[in-house]
Every structure is written in C-alpha cells, then in structure tokens.
Amino acid sequence: MSKEVHGAYRPLTWPLFFELIRLPAKLCSFLPYLFGVLYAWWGFHQFNWVNSLVYFVGQMSIALFVTGFNNVQDFYKAKDEHYRQTQNIIGREHLSPRRVLALMGLFLTIAVAAGLILVWRTNLSLLLIGGLGIFVAIFYTFGPVPLSRIPSGEVLSGTVEGFGAVFIAVFVNIVPQPIVLTLTGNRFVLSGNVPLVLELFFLALPIVILDGTIMFADNICDLAQDQRNQRFTLPYYLGKARALKIYPWLPAAAYLAIVLAVGLRLLPWPILLVVFMWPRVRQNINAFLAVQDKGKTFNTAVANLLLTFGSETVLLLICIAVDLAVPGFF
C-alpha cells in the first residue's frame, strides 16, 4: 500500500512550504514585475492599477508553481537515491509528492486565470506571450528532455523570468501595446513596435543576465550531483574550470548594460548610482570563485541580483517621485 494510506507523509507546514517554494528567492521574481510597472510610468506616464494587480497575482503564482513543481520533478527524476532521500526536500522531509503537485496545480490554475483576464483586458497577443512563458515553466523540469537538463537552461531562465516579466508588466499598463494581434473575419494580423520591443529588452538585460547567472551558479555547485542524476547542464559541457572563468564576466556585463541604458537616455542619470554596489558584488563573486558550495556561497549569486537590480528599481522609484514633485527635473 502507498505511504499515503499509512499516513507516513509529513504535513506541509508553513516553514516547509516556504522552503519548498524558496520564499527568499521570490523577491527575484517580484523585482522584474515592479521594475516593469515603474518603467511604464517613467517612459509612458501610464499606469493601470487593475491590470498591475492581476498581473502581480499571476506572476507570483507562476513563480511559486515553478519552484515547487521543479522540486517534485527533481524528486521523481533523480537517479541518485542519496540525493532523493537526503537533499531533495520532498524525500528529505517525507512530503507527499501528489499533494505538493496538487498545490502547485492550484498555483498554475491561478496564474492561467490571471493571464486570461489580462488577455481579455488588453490584447490577444498576450495569449501567445503568456502561453510561451507557461510552456517554459512547465517543461523546465517536465517531459522526456526537461529544459533544465540541457545547456540552454540559463538563457531560457533569464529570458523568461527577466525580460518576460518586465515586458508583460509594461504591456499590461500601456496603450497601444508593444505587440498587437487583431482578428478580422478569417484573417489575423500580428504587428509590433520593433524599436519599443528592443528598448524593453535592453532595459531588462541586466535582470536577464543576473537571473541566468543564478542558475549558472546553481548548476556549477550541483555539477557532480547533476552528473549522477544525468542532468547535463551548461557547466557540464563547458567544464568547471571554464565555467568559473566565465562566471565573473556575467555580473560585469549586467553593470555595463545599466550604464549604456543611462547613456542612451532610456533611464535617468541617478540610476548610475547602482555602480556603487559593484565593490560588494565583486566581493560576492570572489567568494563564489573561492568555494562553490550550495549552502555557503550559492546565495552570493542571488545577493548580486538583489543588490544590483534592487538598487536600480529603488532608484527608478525615487526618480519618479522626484519627477512628480518637481516636473522637468530630469
């Protein structure tokens, strides 16, 4: 009989739930949303509070789904029994995979419902954009060849969680939208503002890079374990030595993108104050290069994102407040 029948599974308490969905890392999902909403006001002087609220619910729900669903899939797909029973939270804490999946299914349902509401309130093109994001979220660890087990995982993670979140946050707040899908009879027309899409991608580039760097650091730390579980990630193909040589250049590229965005006048000049975070970011990089350990130094990659993009977002908020108080100041 199954463990469910004998009641051998532990209840999912709040502390275990927070660990399951990696609550501290959810700020990394919130920042792109907030930055996008702020930029919709800064760049276009538009803000739709209803759409922003609905998207917040959808964005946070999909973020919770992805982490919890990934933990369950890693538990099921693990080839290393030691990892399954001692490191994966499902096995280590004796949680019911089915119950966790049911809870994650609820979060996914909420995210889809929020997305459909936004499609109804904005434009059909969001159905394609959001659908692509949900596809990546589900098949990131699901299916015969999960996206997380191939070398493109870092790129997909950074693009969807970084650019995708910023783009949609702007999309739901401004009119006209950057991409528009119209239906006329039995014909459809998909049109887009190419310069605006490129502008938003460039603005999101720092979070794209830093979000991908988090996964890169995670995969470097888990390299030996991933090989035992037949997960062949980017560090596997690069080799650990080469991966560590590339690692410090990624945050540097993010800072360069911020400076260029200010130079191109996409962002106000006070955003340059972000560069004062670089010494701390550099310390974190050196700490990770010295020791690659999931429990000791992996969080330095998360800290780098929060320090950099968090500062950029707060500075943009301050600039908006100053601009409202003193129009034309910037």
Protein backbone atom coordinates (compact mmCIF):
# COMPACT_ATOMS: atom_id res chain seq x y z
CA MET A 1 0.00 0.00 0.00
CA SER A 2 1.16 3.53 -0.59
CA LYS A 3 2.66 5.70 2.07
CA GLU A 4 -0.35 8.00 1.66
CA VAL A 5 -2.62 5.28 3.05
CA HIS A 6 -0.42 4.62 6.06
CA GLY A 7 -0.09 8.34 6.75
CA ALA A 8 3.71 8.19 6.61
CA TYR A 9 3.95 11.55 4.86
CA ARG A 10 4.51 14.68 6.91
CA PRO A 11 2.09 17.60 6.68
CA LEU A 12 3.26 20.57 4.65
CA THR A 13 3.76 23.13 7.41
CA TRP A 14 4.37 26.81 6.68
CA PRO A 15 8.15 26.57 7.29
CA LEU A 16 8.36 23.57 4.93
CA PHE A 17 6.19 25.37 2.37
CA PHE A 18 8.47 28.41 2.47
CA GLU A 19 11.47 26.15 1.92
CA LEU A 20 9.68 24.24 -0.84
CA ILE A 21 8.98 27.40 -2.84
CA ARG A 22 12.26 29.08 -1.75
CA LEU A 23 10.50 32.13 -0.36
CA PRO A 24 13.61 34.36 -0.07
CA ALA A 25 14.24 33.92 -3.81
CA LYS A 26 10.71 35.11 -4.67
CA LEU A 27 11.97 38.68 -4.41
CA CYS A 28 13.92 37.89 -7.58
CA SER A 29 10.56 37.26 -9.27
CA PHE A 30 8.96 40.40 -7.81
CA LEU A 31 11.66 42.87 -8.89
CA PRO A 32 11.19 42.48 -12.69
CA TYR A 33 7.45 42.98 -12.21
CA LEU A 34 7.96 46.11 -10.13
CA PHE A 35 10.59 47.50 -12.49
CA GLY A 36 8.26 46.99 -15.47
CA VAL A 37 5.37 48.75 -13.73
CA LEU A 38 7.64 51.65 -12.77
CA TYR A 39 9.07 51.94 -16.27
CA ALA A 40 5.55 52.03 -17.75
CA TRP A 41 5.07 55.22 -15.74
CA TRP A 42 8.56 56.63 -16.32
CA GLY A 43 8.65 56.00 -20.06
CA PHE A 44 4.98 56.37 -20.99
CA HIS A 45 3.26 58.03 -17.99
CA GLN A 46 0.72 55.22 -17.91
CA PHE A 47 -0.36 53.02 -15.01
CA ASN A 48 -3.31 50.64 -14.91
CA TRP A 49 -3.70 49.53 -11.31
CA VAL A 50 -6.23 46.78 -12.07
CA ASN A 51 -4.03 45.15 -14.70
CA SER A 52 -0.96 45.58 -12.48
CA LEU A 53 -2.72 43.88 -9.57
CA VAL A 54 -3.97 40.99 -11.70
CA TYR A 55 -0.52 40.51 -13.20
CA PHE A 56 1.07 40.58 -9.74
CA VAL A 57 -1.17 37.68 -8.69
CA GLY A 58 -0.36 35.78 -11.88
CA GLN A 59 3.38 36.45 -11.76
CA MET A 60 3.74 35.39 -8.13
CA SER A 61 1.56 32.32 -8.68
CA ILE A 62 3.67 31.09 -11.60
CA ALA A 63 6.85 31.78 -9.59
CA LEU A 64 5.53 29.61 -6.73
CA PHE A 65 4.45 26.92 -9.18
CA VAL A 66 7.81 26.73 -10.93
CA THR A 67 9.88 26.21 -7.78
CA GLY A 68 7.55 23.70 -6.14
CA PHE A 69 6.95 21.79 -9.38
CA ASN A 70 10.69 21.65 -10.04
CA ASN A 71 11.29 20.11 -6.61
CA VAL A 72 8.73 17.38 -7.30
CA GLN A 73 10.10 16.65 -10.77
CA ASP A 74 13.68 16.52 -9.45
CA PHE A 75 12.47 14.02 -6.83
CA TYR A 76 10.83 11.79 -9.44
CA LYS A 77 13.64 12.01 -11.99
CA ALA A 78 16.57 11.61 -9.58
CA LYS A 79 18.86 8.69 -10.38
CA ASP A 80 20.89 9.21 -7.21
CA GLU A 81 18.95 7.74 -4.27
CA HIS A 82 21.13 9.58 -1.75
CA TYR A 83 20.13 12.90 -3.33
CA ARG A 84 16.48 11.87 -3.45
CA GLN A 85 16.29 10.98 0.25
CA THR A 86 18.70 13.46 1.86
CA GLN A 87 18.86 16.61 -0.29
CA ASN A 88 15.62 16.96 -2.21
CA ILE A 89 13.05 18.48 0.16
CA ILE A 90 10.31 16.06 -0.92
CA GLY A 91 12.30 12.98 0.12
CA ARG A 92 14.23 14.56 3.00
CA GLU A 93 11.11 15.84 4.75
CA HIS A 94 8.88 12.92 3.68
CA LEU A 95 6.36 15.15 1.90
CA SER A 96 3.68 13.72 -0.34
CA PRO A 97 4.63 14.38 -3.98
CA ARG A 98 0.98 14.10 -5.03
CA ARG A 99 -0.19 16.66 -2.50
CA VAL A 100 2.58 19.05 -3.45
CA LEU A 101 1.70 18.59 -7.13
CA ALA A 102 -1.95 19.33 -6.35
CA LEU A 103 -0.95 22.54 -4.58
CA MET A 104 1.30 23.55 -7.47
CA GLY A 105 -1.57 22.80 -9.84
CA LEU A 106 -3.66 25.31 -7.90
CA PHE A 107 -0.98 27.98 -8.32
CA LEU A 108 -0.78 27.19 -12.05
CA THR A 109 -4.56 27.49 -12.36
CA ILE A 110 -4.50 30.89 -10.64
CA ALA A 111 -1.71 32.04 -12.97
CA VAL A 112 -3.61 30.88 -16.08
CA ALA A 113 -6.82 32.54 -14.86
CA ALA A 114 -4.97 35.81 -14.23
CA GLY A 115 -3.42 35.57 -17.68
CA LEU A 116 -6.79 35.05 -19.38
CA ILE A 117 -8.21 38.06 -17.55
CA LEU A 118 -5.31 40.16 -18.80
CA VAL A 119 -5.78 38.86 -22.36
CA TRP A 120 -9.42 39.96 -22.16
CA ARG A 121 -8.43 43.36 -20.77
CA THR A 122 -5.54 44.03 -23.18
CA ASN A 123 -4.88 42.17 -26.44
CA LEU A 124 -4.87 38.64 -27.84
CA SER A 125 -1.12 38.82 -28.40
CA LEU A 126 -0.67 38.37 -24.66
CA LEU A 127 -2.13 34.87 -25.06
CA LEU A 128 0.86 33.94 -27.22
CA ILE A 129 3.40 35.67 -24.97
CA GLY A 130 1.99 34.29 -21.73
CA GLY A 131 1.44 30.87 -23.26
CA LEU A 132 5.11 30.67 -24.20
CA GLY A 133 6.10 31.60 -20.65
CA ILE A 134 3.85 28.94 -19.13
CA PHE A 135 5.19 26.36 -21.61
CA VAL A 136 8.73 27.06 -20.40
CA ALA A 137 7.57 27.00 -16.75
CA ILE A 138 6.01 23.53 -17.12
CA PHE A 139 8.60 21.88 -19.34
CA TYR A 140 11.53 23.36 -17.47
CA THR A 141 11.70 20.14 -15.43
CA PHE A 142 8.89 18.09 -17.01
CA GLY A 143 8.91 15.82 -20.03
CA PRO A 144 11.37 13.32 -21.50
CA VAL A 145 14.02 16.04 -22.00
CA PRO A 146 13.37 18.85 -19.49
CA LEU A 147 14.68 22.28 -20.48
CA SER A 148 16.70 22.48 -17.25
CA ARG A 149 18.72 19.42 -18.31
CA ILE A 150 20.03 20.99 -21.49
CA PRO A 151 22.69 23.70 -21.95
CA SER A 152 20.12 26.39 -22.81
CA GLY A 153 18.59 26.43 -19.33
CA GLU A 154 20.38 29.59 -18.22
CA VAL A 155 19.30 31.51 -21.32
CA LEU A 156 15.68 30.38 -21.02
CA SER A 157 15.56 31.14 -17.31
CA GLY A 158 16.99 34.63 -17.69
CA THR A 159 14.90 35.50 -20.74
CA VAL A 160 11.54 34.30 -19.41
CA GLU A 161 11.93 35.38 -15.78
CA GLY A 162 13.78 38.58 -16.63
CA PHE A 163 12.69 40.00 -19.96
CA GLY A 164 9.32 38.25 -19.99
CA ALA A 165 8.26 39.66 -16.62
CA VAL A 166 9.43 43.21 -17.42
CA PHE A 167 7.83 43.11 -20.87
CA ILE A 168 4.44 41.91 -19.64
CA ALA A 169 4.45 44.41 -16.75
CA VAL A 170 4.87 47.22 -19.29
CA PHE A 171 2.48 45.56 -21.77
CA VAL A 172 -0.47 45.47 -19.36
CA ASN A 173 -0.03 49.12 -18.39
CA ILE A 174 0.38 50.96 -21.69
CA VAL A 175 -1.75 51.68 -24.74
CA PRO A 176 -1.02 50.91 -27.50
CA GLN A 177 0.69 47.66 -26.58
CA PRO A 178 4.15 46.81 -27.99
CA ILE A 179 2.71 43.80 -29.85
CA VAL A 180 -0.87 43.60 -31.15
CA LEU A 181 -2.81 40.66 -32.58
CA THR A 182 -6.02 41.52 -34.42
CA LEU A 183 -8.62 39.18 -35.91
CA THR A 184 -10.74 40.22 -38.88
CA GLY A 185 -13.06 37.56 -40.24
CA ASN A 186 -10.91 34.54 -41.06
CA ARG A 187 -7.66 36.53 -41.08
CA PHE A 188 -5.32 37.67 -38.34
CA VAL A 189 -2.63 40.31 -38.28
CA LEU A 190 0.27 40.32 -35.80
CA SER A 191 2.08 43.65 -35.62
CA GLY A 192 4.65 45.06 -33.26
CA ASN A 193 6.63 48.14 -32.38
CA VAL A 194 10.13 46.78 -33.02
CA PRO A 195 12.05 49.74 -31.51
CA LEU A 196 9.94 49.54 -28.34
CA VAL A 197 10.40 45.77 -28.00
CA LEU A 198 14.17 46.20 -28.39
CA GLU A 199 14.14 49.06 -25.88
CA LEU A 200 12.38 46.91 -23.29
CA PHE A 201 14.75 44.02 -23.92
CA PHE A 202 17.75 46.29 -23.42
CA LEU A 203 16.26 47.68 -20.21
CA ALA A 204 15.64 44.14 -18.95
CA LEU A 205 19.09 42.90 -19.99
CA PRO A 206 20.67 43.32 -16.51
CA ILE A 207 17.99 41.16 -14.88
CA VAL A 208 18.18 38.67 -17.78
CA ILE A 209 21.92 38.28 -17.21
CA LEU A 210 21.78 38.19 -13.41
CA ASP A 211 18.85 35.77 -13.34
CA GLY A 212 20.69 33.46 -15.72
CA THR A 213 23.79 33.83 -13.55
CA ILE A 214 21.85 32.47 -10.57
CA MET A 215 21.06 29.29 -12.49
CA PHE A 216 24.63 29.15 -13.78
CA ALA A 217 25.94 29.30 -10.19
CA ASP A 218 23.38 26.70 -9.12
CA ASN A 219 24.49 24.33 -11.87
CA ILE A 220 28.17 24.87 -11.06
CA CYS A 221 27.52 23.96 -7.42
CA ASP A 222 25.48 20.90 -8.43
CA LEU A 223 27.78 19.72 -11.23
CA ALA A 224 28.83 16.42 -9.63
CA GLN A 225 25.33 15.72 -8.34
CA ASP A 226 23.78 16.58 -11.71
CA GLN A 227 26.07 14.12 -13.49
CA ARG A 228 24.92 11.37 -11.13
CA ASN A 229 21.31 12.31 -11.93
CA GLN A 230 22.03 12.53 -15.68
CA ARG A 231 21.44 16.29 -15.87
CA PHE A 232 23.80 17.68 -18.49
CA THR A 233 23.76 21.43 -17.94
CA LEU A 234 25.90 24.21 -19.39
CA PRO A 235 28.72 23.82 -16.80
CA TYR A 236 28.94 20.13 -17.74
CA TYR A 237 29.68 20.99 -21.37
CA LEU A 238 31.94 23.92 -20.52
CA GLY A 239 33.83 22.12 -17.77
CA LYS A 240 34.05 23.56 -14.27
CA ALA A 241 37.29 25.47 -14.86
CA ARG A 242 35.97 27.25 -17.94
CA ALA A 243 32.61 27.91 -16.29
CA LEU A 244 34.36 29.64 -13.38
CA LYS A 245 36.35 31.79 -15.81
CA ILE A 246 33.12 32.95 -17.47
CA TYR A 247 31.20 33.49 -14.22
CA PRO A 248 32.70 36.87 -13.11
CA TRP A 249 32.09 38.43 -16.53
CA LEU A 250 28.33 37.95 -16.31
CA PRO A 251 27.64 40.47 -13.49
CA ALA A 252 30.11 42.84 -15.16
CA ALA A 253 28.05 42.63 -18.36
CA ALA A 254 24.91 43.46 -16.37
CA TYR A 255 26.53 46.61 -14.98
CA LEU A 256 27.71 47.61 -18.44
CA ALA A 257 24.13 47.27 -19.72
CA ILE A 258 22.88 49.59 -16.96
CA VAL A 259 25.48 52.24 -17.81
CA LEU A 260 24.62 52.00 -21.51
CA ALA A 261 20.88 52.32 -20.77
CA VAL A 262 21.58 55.59 -18.96
CA GLY A 263 23.91 56.71 -21.75
CA LEU A 264 21.14 56.07 -24.29
CA ARG A 265 18.79 58.12 -22.07
CA LEU A 266 16.44 55.20 -21.55
CA LEU A 267 16.88 55.67 -17.80
CA PRO A 268 17.55 58.82 -15.72
CA TRP A 269 21.12 59.62 -14.69
CA PRO A 270 20.68 58.83 -10.94
CA ILE A 271 20.45 55.15 -11.94
CA LEU A 272 24.25 55.32 -12.31
CA LEU A 273 24.43 55.25 -8.51
CA VAL A 274 23.95 51.49 -8.89
CA VAL A 275 27.67 51.24 -9.70
CA PHE A 276 28.42 51.88 -6.01
CA MET A 277 27.13 48.35 -5.43
CA TRP A 278 29.88 46.89 -7.61
CA PRO A 279 32.53 46.50 -4.84
CA ARG A 280 30.11 44.38 -2.81
CA VAL A 281 29.12 42.42 -5.89
CA ARG A 282 32.80 41.85 -6.65
CA GLN A 283 33.32 40.50 -3.11
CA ASN A 284 30.47 38.06 -3.67
CA ILE A 285 31.97 36.97 -6.98
CA ASN A 286 35.33 36.29 -5.34
CA ALA A 287 33.67 34.34 -2.53
CA PHE A 288 31.94 32.10 -5.07
CA LEU A 289 35.10 31.63 -7.13
CA ALA A 290 36.91 30.53 -3.97
CA VAL A 291 34.27 27.99 -2.90
CA GLN A 292 31.36 26.66 -4.95
CA ASP A 293 29.01 25.34 -2.29
CA LYS A 294 25.20 25.33 -2.38
CA GLY A 295 24.90 26.01 1.32
CA LYS A 296 27.74 28.52 1.70
CA THR A 297 28.28 30.61 -1.43
CA PHE A 298 25.43 29.98 -3.88
CA ASN A 299 23.38 32.73 -2.25
CA THR A 300 26.03 35.25 -3.33
CA ALA A 301 24.58 34.99 -6.86
CA VAL A 302 21.10 35.76 -5.52
CA ALA A 303 22.53 38.62 -3.44
CA ASN A 304 24.19 40.10 -6.53
CA LEU A 305 20.85 40.24 -8.32
CA LEU A 306 19.09 41.79 -5.34
CA LEU A 307 21.86 44.33 -4.75
CA THR A 308 22.04 45.38 -8.38
CA PHE A 309 18.52 45.20 -9.75
CA GLY A 310 17.02 46.02 -6.37
CA SER A 311 19.05 49.23 -6.26
CA GLU A 312 18.13 50.05 -9.85
CA THR A 313 14.43 49.58 -9.12
CA VAL A 314 14.52 51.67 -5.93
CA LEU A 315 16.42 54.45 -7.71
CA LEU A 316 13.85 54.46 -10.53
CA LEU A 317 11.08 54.76 -7.94
CA ILE A 318 12.89 57.71 -6.33
CA CYS A 319 13.32 59.37 -9.73
CA ILE A 320 9.60 59.02 -10.41
CA ALA A 321 8.78 60.56 -7.03
CA VAL A 322 11.15 63.49 -7.69
CA ASP A 323 9.75 63.97 -11.19
CA LEU A 324 6.21 64.11 -9.80
CA ALA A 325 7.24 66.61 -7.14
CA VAL A 326 9.43 68.71 -9.46
CA PRO A 327 8.26 68.23 -13.07
CA GLY A 328 11.06 68.51 -15.59
CA PHE A 329 13.81 67.93 -13.01
CA PHE A 330 15.33 65.18 -15.15
